[in-house]
Amino acid sequence: FDNLLDSDFVLDGSWLKQGTEFKQPEKEIVLKAKAHSIVQFAHKGMFGAAGLCWFVSDNGEKDQYVSICFNGFEKFNAWVGAPPHDLKAEYSNMPKLPKS
């Protein structure tokens, strides 16, 4: 992720499908301000990592969000700003990624 904002974003919550896990300890997952960050997932099955997670700004006000939904290698969606009203519903309705 390329965070072009002036605030760090810390992991605030997640819902991962069975068999999916973060590769690094959750307390260490931070999207640093003005930097490129990598969040890695692992999956113990055949179909790839799937789930959703959200980050909140670490600026004292916690007033900005980054929300992410992903499903294997074929679906991904993300939002910046206010989180979607129902992130699990957004997960269910994610568009497929275009084939390259």
Protein backbone atom coordinates (compact mmCIF):
# COMPACT_ATOMS: atom_id res chain seq x y z
CA PHE A 1 0.00 0.00 0.00
CA ASP A 2 1.19 3.51 -0.76
CA ASN A 3 0.01 5.80 2.03
CA LEU A 4 0.27 9.34 0.67
CA LEU A 5 -1.36 10.86 3.76
CA ASP A 6 0.33 12.47 6.77
CA SER A 7 -1.00 9.88 9.26
CA ASP A 8 0.02 6.33 10.04
CA PHE A 9 -2.85 3.82 9.90
CA VAL A 10 -2.96 0.98 12.44
CA LEU A 11 -4.87 -2.26 12.08
CA ASP A 12 -8.19 -1.80 13.87
CA GLY A 13 -9.94 -5.07 13.04
CA SER A 14 -10.24 -7.97 10.64
CA TRP A 15 -12.42 -10.85 9.56
CA LEU A 16 -10.41 -13.56 7.81
CA LYS A 17 -11.90 -16.65 6.21
CA GLN A 18 -10.95 -19.95 7.82
CA GLY A 19 -7.36 -20.86 6.98
CA THR A 20 -6.31 -17.26 6.26
CA GLU A 21 -3.93 -15.47 8.62
CA PHE A 22 -1.61 -12.49 8.70
CA LYS A 23 2.04 -13.39 8.07
CA GLN A 24 3.25 -10.84 10.63
CA PRO A 25 1.97 -10.19 14.19
CA GLU A 26 -1.16 -8.00 14.03
CA LYS A 27 0.29 -5.39 16.43
CA GLU A 28 3.09 -4.75 13.89
CA ILE A 29 0.77 -4.09 10.93
CA VAL A 30 0.96 -0.36 10.25
CA LEU A 31 0.51 1.62 7.04
CA LYS A 32 3.22 4.24 7.61
CA ALA A 33 2.63 7.86 6.56
CA LYS A 34 4.19 8.90 3.25
CA ALA A 35 5.54 5.38 2.73
CA HIS A 36 5.01 2.07 0.96
CA SER A 37 3.84 -0.72 3.28
CA ILE A 38 3.30 -4.42 2.66
CA VAL A 39 0.61 -6.45 4.42
CA GLN A 40 1.03 -10.17 3.81
CA PHE A 41 -1.52 -12.93 4.24
CA ALA A 42 -1.07 -16.68 4.22
CA HIS A 43 -3.62 -19.38 3.49
CA LYS A 44 -3.50 -23.05 4.35
CA GLY A 45 -5.84 -24.16 1.56
CA MET A 46 -6.01 -24.25 -2.22
CA PHE A 47 -8.03 -21.12 -2.97
CA GLY A 48 -5.92 -18.29 -1.60
CA ALA A 49 -6.30 -15.83 1.24
CA ALA A 50 -9.68 -14.19 1.75
CA GLY A 51 -11.21 -11.74 4.19
CA LEU A 52 -11.40 -8.11 5.10
CA CYS A 53 -9.54 -5.73 7.38
CA TRP A 54 -9.68 -2.10 8.31
CA PHE A 55 -7.17 0.43 9.53
CA VAL A 56 -7.72 3.66 11.47
CA SER A 57 -5.58 6.79 11.46
CA ASP A 58 -3.17 6.99 14.36
CA ASN A 59 -3.40 10.77 14.61
CA GLY A 60 -5.10 10.95 18.01
CA GLU A 61 -8.52 11.60 16.46
CA LYS A 62 -8.89 8.23 14.70
CA ASP A 63 -11.03 9.96 12.09
CA GLN A 64 -9.85 8.35 8.85
CA TYR A 65 -10.18 4.73 7.73
CA VAL A 66 -8.75 2.40 5.12
CA SER A 67 -10.97 -0.65 4.53
CA ILE A 68 -9.88 -3.62 2.39
CA CYS A 69 -11.70 -6.70 1.08
CA PHE A 70 -9.93 -9.49 -0.82
CA ASN A 71 -10.68 -12.98 -2.07
CA GLY A 72 -7.87 -15.03 -3.55
CA PHE A 73 -6.36 -13.63 -6.70
CA GLU A 74 -9.63 -12.67 -8.38
CA LYS A 75 -11.39 -10.11 -6.16
CA PHE A 76 -10.21 -6.98 -4.36
CA ASN A 77 -11.76 -3.71 -3.23
CA ALA A 78 -10.63 -0.88 -0.94
CA TRP A 79 -12.03 2.35 0.49
CA VAL A 80 -10.43 5.40 2.09
CA GLY A 81 -12.44 7.69 4.33
CA ALA A 82 -15.52 6.62 6.22
CA PRO A 83 -15.83 2.82 6.28
CA PRO A 84 -18.63 1.19 4.29
CA HIS A 85 -21.81 0.72 6.33
CA ASP A 86 -21.60 -3.09 6.05
CA LEU A 87 -18.10 -4.28 5.18
CA LYS A 88 -19.14 -7.96 5.13
CA ALA A 89 -21.82 -7.14 2.53
CA GLU A 90 -19.17 -5.32 0.47
CA TYR A 91 -17.00 -8.43 0.73
CA SER A 92 -19.85 -10.52 -0.68
CA ASN A 93 -20.41 -8.07 -3.57
CA MET A 94 -16.79 -7.41 -4.59
CA PRO A 95 -16.20 -7.02 -8.32
CA LYS A 96 -13.82 -9.41 -10.04
CA LEU A 97 -10.43 -8.05 -11.00
CA PRO A 98 -9.87 -7.64 -14.74
CA LYS A 99 -7.82 -10.41 -16.34
CA SER A 100 -4.45 -9.23 -17.64
